C-alpha atoms as a PDB file:
ATOM      1  CA  MET A   1      17.566  14.394  -3.047  1.00  0.00           C
ATOM      2  CA  GLN A   2      14.906  12.282  -1.378  1.00  0.00           C
ATOM      3  CA  SER A   3      11.600  13.964  -0.605  1.00  0.00           C
ATOM      4  CA  GLU A   4       9.872  13.324   2.697  1.00  0.00           C
ATOM      5  CA  THR A   5       7.293  10.552   2.834  1.00  0.00           C
ATOM      6  CA  LYS A   6       3.859  11.818   3.743  1.00  0.00           C
ATOM      7  CA  SER A   7       1.076   9.439   4.653  1.00  0.00           C
ATOM      8  CA  TYR A   8      -2.370   9.345   6.166  1.00  0.00           C
ATOM      9  CA  ALA A   9      -5.251   6.940   6.597  1.00  0.00           C
ATOM     10  CA  GLU A  10      -8.909   7.307   5.733  1.00  0.00           C
ATOM     11  CA  GLN A  11     -11.920   5.083   5.295  1.00  0.00           C
ATOM     12  CA  ALA A  12     -13.690   4.000   2.108  1.00  0.00           C
ATOM     13  CA  THR A  13     -16.079   1.230   1.149  1.00  0.00           C
ATOM     14  CA  THR A  14     -16.021  -1.424  -1.549  1.00  0.00           C
ATOM     15  CA  PRO A  15     -18.846  -1.505  -4.121  1.00  0.00           C
ATOM     16  CA  ALA A  16     -20.370  -4.248  -1.930  1.00  0.00           C
ATOM     17  CA  GLY A  17     -20.329  -1.924   1.099  1.00  0.00           C
ATOM     18  CA  THR A  18     -17.387  -3.465   2.981  1.00  0.00           C
ATOM     19  CA  PRO A  19     -15.427  -0.878   5.029  1.00  0.00           C
ATOM     20  CA  VAL A  20     -11.819  -0.450   3.843  1.00  0.00           C
ATOM     21  CA  THR A  21      -8.846   1.310   5.423  1.00  0.00           C
ATOM     22  CA  VAL A  22      -7.065   3.397   2.783  1.00  0.00           C
ATOM     23  CA  LEU A  23      -3.409   4.268   3.385  1.00  0.00           C
ATOM     24  CA  ARG A  24      -2.326   7.141   1.150  1.00  0.00           C
ATOM     25  CA  PHE A  25       1.372   7.828   0.527  1.00  0.00           C
ATOM     26  CA  ALA A  26       3.186  10.748  -1.124  1.00  0.00           C
ATOM     27  CA  GLY A  27       6.809  11.656  -1.834  1.00  0.00           C
ATOM     28  CA  ASP A  28       9.604   9.084  -1.825  1.00  0.00           C
ATOM     29  CA  ILE A  29       9.533   5.791   0.082  1.00  0.00           C
ATOM     30  CA  ALA A  30      12.897   4.700   1.472  1.00  0.00           C
ATOM     31  CA  SER A  31      14.451   3.409   4.714  1.00  0.00           C
ATOM     32  CA  THR A  32      13.635   6.750   6.373  1.00  0.00           C
ATOM     33  CA  SER A  33       9.930   6.091   5.663  1.00  0.00           C
ATOM     34  CA  ARG A  34       9.534   3.397   8.316  1.00  0.00           C
ATOM     35  CA  GLU A  35       7.173   5.404  10.540  1.00  0.00           C
ATOM     36  CA  ALA A  36       5.182   6.788   7.583  1.00  0.00           C
ATOM     37  CA  VAL A  37       4.674   3.286   6.152  1.00  0.00           C
ATOM     38  CA  LEU A  38       4.844   0.646   8.893  1.00  0.00           C
ATOM     39  CA  GLY A  39       3.895   3.003  11.716  1.00  0.00           C
ATOM     40  CA  LEU A  40       0.792   4.144   9.855  1.00  0.00           C
ATOM     41  CA  TYR A  41      -0.237   0.566   9.047  1.00  0.00           C
ATOM     42  CA  GLN A  42       0.413  -0.692  12.585  1.00  0.00           C
ATOM     43  CA  ALA A  43      -1.701   2.120  14.056  1.00  0.00           C
ATOM     44  CA  GLN A  44      -4.782   0.950  12.114  1.00  0.00           C
ATOM     45  CA  PRO A  45      -7.372  -1.628  13.224  1.00  0.00           C
ATOM     46  CA  LYS A  46      -6.517  -5.067  11.891  1.00  0.00           C
ATOM     47  CA  GLN A  47      -9.968  -6.018  10.631  1.00  0.00           C
ATOM     48  CA  GLY A  48     -11.190  -5.505   7.109  1.00  0.00           C
ATOM     49  CA  PRO A  49      -9.247  -5.016   3.899  1.00  0.00           C
ATOM     50  CA  VAL A  50      -6.554  -2.398   3.253  1.00  0.00           C
ATOM     51  CA  LEU A  51      -6.044  -0.277   0.176  1.00  0.00           C
ATOM     52  CA  LEU A  52      -2.621   1.285  -0.558  1.00  0.00           C
ATOM     53  CA  ASP A  53      -2.593   4.481  -2.654  1.00  0.00           C
ATOM     54  CA  PHE A  54       0.662   5.233  -4.511  1.00  0.00           C
ATOM     55  CA  THR A  55      -0.701   7.891  -6.899  1.00  0.00           C
ATOM     56  CA  LYS A  56       1.448  10.625  -5.306  1.00  0.00           C
ATOM     57  CA  VAL A  57       4.583   8.537  -4.711  1.00  0.00           C
ATOM     58  CA  ASP A  58       7.524   9.769  -6.765  1.00  0.00           C
ATOM     59  CA  TYR A  59      10.074   7.053  -6.036  1.00  0.00           C
ATOM     60  CA  ILE A  60      10.474   3.821  -4.061  1.00  0.00           C
ATOM     61  CA  ASN A  61      13.964   2.454  -3.442  1.00  0.00           C
ATOM     62  CA  SER A  62      14.877  -1.084  -2.402  1.00  0.00           C
ATOM     63  CA  SER A  63      14.578  -0.214   1.301  1.00  0.00           C
ATOM     64  CA  GLY A  64      11.118   1.204   0.639  1.00  0.00           C
ATOM     65  CA  ILE A  65      10.112  -1.978  -1.156  1.00  0.00           C
ATOM     66  CA  ALA A  66      11.359  -3.966   1.844  1.00  0.00           C
ATOM     67  CA  LEU A  67       9.101  -1.856   4.118  1.00  0.00           C
ATOM     68  CA  MET A  68       6.153  -2.586   1.817  1.00  0.00           C
ATOM     69  CA  ILE A  69       6.892  -6.316   1.896  1.00  0.00           C
ATOM     70  CA  GLN A  70       7.110  -6.257   5.701  1.00  0.00           C
ATOM     71  CA  MET A  71       3.766  -4.457   5.924  1.00  0.00           C
ATOM     72  CA  LEU A  72       2.159  -6.930   3.506  1.00  0.00           C
ATOM     73  CA  ILE A  73       3.497  -9.917   5.441  1.00  0.00           C
ATOM     74  CA  GLU A  74       2.016  -8.443   8.640  1.00  0.00           C
ATOM     75  CA  ALA A  75      -1.323  -7.926   6.875  1.00  0.00           C
ATOM     76  CA  SER A  76      -1.244 -11.480   5.544  1.00  0.00           C
ATOM     77  CA  GLY A  77      -0.486 -12.779   9.037  1.00  0.00           C
ATOM     78  CA  VAL A  78      -3.725 -11.322  10.385  1.00  0.00           C
ATOM     79  CA  GLY A  79      -5.745 -12.299   7.328  1.00  0.00           C
ATOM     80  CA  GLN A  80      -6.187  -8.849   5.830  1.00  0.00           C
ATOM     81  CA  ARG A  81      -6.713  -8.576   2.090  1.00  0.00           C
ATOM     82  CA  VAL A  82      -4.663  -5.804   0.445  1.00  0.00           C
ATOM     83  CA  ALA A  83      -4.980  -4.021  -2.884  1.00  0.00           C
ATOM     84  CA  VAL A  84      -2.535  -1.498  -4.324  1.00  0.00           C
ATOM     85  CA  PHE A  85      -3.228   1.190  -6.924  1.00  0.00           C
ATOM     86  CA  GLY A  86      -1.565   4.183  -8.485  1.00  0.00           C
ATOM     87  CA  LEU A  87       1.802   2.585  -9.232  1.00  0.00           C
ATOM     88  CA  SER A  88       3.731   3.726 -12.290  1.00  0.00           C
ATOM     89  CA  ALA A  89       4.282   1.109 -14.989  1.00  0.00           C
ATOM     90  CA  HIS A  90       7.867   0.729 -13.750  1.00  0.00           C
ATOM     91  CA  PHE A  91       6.878   0.060 -10.144  1.00  0.00           C
ATOM     92  CA  THR A  92       4.039  -2.247 -11.191  1.00  0.00           C
ATOM     93  CA  LYS A  93       6.703  -4.326 -12.920  1.00  0.00           C
ATOM     94  CA  VAL A  94       9.066  -4.124  -9.905  1.00  0.00           C
ATOM     95  CA  PHE A  95       6.303  -5.077  -7.422  1.00  0.00           C
ATOM     96  CA  THR A  96       5.423  -8.053  -9.618  1.00  0.00           C
ATOM     97  CA  MET A  97       9.072  -9.148  -9.958  1.00  0.00           C
ATOM     98  CA  VAL A  98       9.714  -9.073  -6.194  1.00  0.00           C
ATOM     99  CA  GLY A  99       6.601 -11.110  -5.429  1.00  0.00           C
ATOM    100  CA  ILE A 100       4.338  -8.483  -3.900  1.00  0.00           C
ATOM    101  CA  THR A 101       1.472  -9.926  -5.957  1.00  0.00           C
ATOM    102  CA  LYS A 102       1.543 -12.942  -3.613  1.00  0.00           C
ATOM    103  CA  TYR A 103       0.301 -10.627  -0.857  1.00  0.00           C
ATOM    104  CA  ALA A 104      -1.625  -7.902  -2.677  1.00  0.00           C
ATOM    105  CA  THR A 105      -3.725  -7.277  -5.754  1.00  0.00           C
ATOM    106  CA  LEU A 106      -2.328  -4.603  -8.082  1.00  0.00           C
ATOM    107  CA  ALA A 107      -4.857  -2.332  -9.774  1.00  0.00           C
ATOM    108  CA  ALA A 108      -4.618   0.738 -11.990  1.00  0.00           C
ATOM    109  CA  THR A 109      -7.274   2.851 -10.266  1.00  0.00           C
ATOM    110  CA  GLU A 110      -8.843   3.224  -6.842  1.00  0.00           C
ATOM    111  CA  ALA A 111     -12.193   2.015  -8.185  1.00  0.00           C
ATOM    112  CA  GLU A 112     -10.591  -1.151  -9.610  1.00  0.00           C
ATOM    113  CA  ALA A 113      -8.693  -1.754  -6.367  1.00  0.00           C
ATOM    114  CA  LEU A 114     -11.858  -1.351  -4.260  1.00  0.00           C
ATOM    115  CA  ALA A 115     -13.734  -3.704  -6.584  1.00  0.00           C
ATOM    116  CA  ALA A 116     -10.937  -6.298  -6.188  1.00  0.00           C
ATOM    117  CA  LEU A 117     -11.433  -6.359  -2.418  1.00  0.00           C
END
C-alpha cells in the first residue's frame, strides 16, 4: 500500500552564502503526490537554487518520476539550479537512466548538494 507523500519547504544557504530553497519529501511519490511535489515547488519563489531532499522517501513510481521531471523542467525554464540528495542507490541509478541529471545534480548528502549549488 502506498504511503502518503509529505512535503515541506525551508531555507538553507550554500557554503558560499547563497540562499537555497530546500524541498523535503517523505513517504511514497506517485501520481497522487502532484500537490505535494509540484504544488510545493510552484508555491516557492523562483529565484535562487533549489535543493530536493529524498532521505525520507520510501518509494517513487514511474508517475512520481514524471512529476519530478516536470518540476525540473519548470525549474530549468526559469533558470533555477537544482541539486538532489538522499536517493537510494537504486533511485540514483533510475534518475540517471531517465535523464534527470540533465536538469539536476545528484549528491549523496545535503552538504555535498549544497556545495554543488
